[in-house]
Amino acid sequence: MVNLIQLVHPSFSEEIMPTMDTFLKVTEQLQKQKPNCCYFFNTSFGLEYSAIGLWEEEKFQGSIFVGPFLSNAPNLDFINRVISSNQLLPLHSRKTLQDFYDSLIVVHPMS
């Protein structure tokens, strides 16, 4: 068994993090699924998350979210797409944004 814990203290603005409303919507989706279902989602900022419902005797008890993480190592094209698609002006210090993404764990999908 492997346990992986990452504490993220973003050096970047919280505007790139999902809102509580996003997490509540995902929790609602988890409640509609079967107990062993895992939910994966990403944001317009390319941040990825995984969530699973906590069930006891087929009764929903809550959820656990893991993230943010990335599926691919961030490069200059990725950073430019995030800046462009989210209209981050005045470019929010590209270096600060790059440092934030570089601090995230990159999880490669299993084949």
Foldseek 3Di string as FASTA:
>chain_A
DDDDDDDADQPADCPVPDDVVVVVVVFVVQLVDFQADKDWDADLLQFIKIKHFDDDPRHTDGMDMDDRAHQDQDDPVSLVSNCVVVVDPPSRPSVSVNVRSNSHHHDHDDD
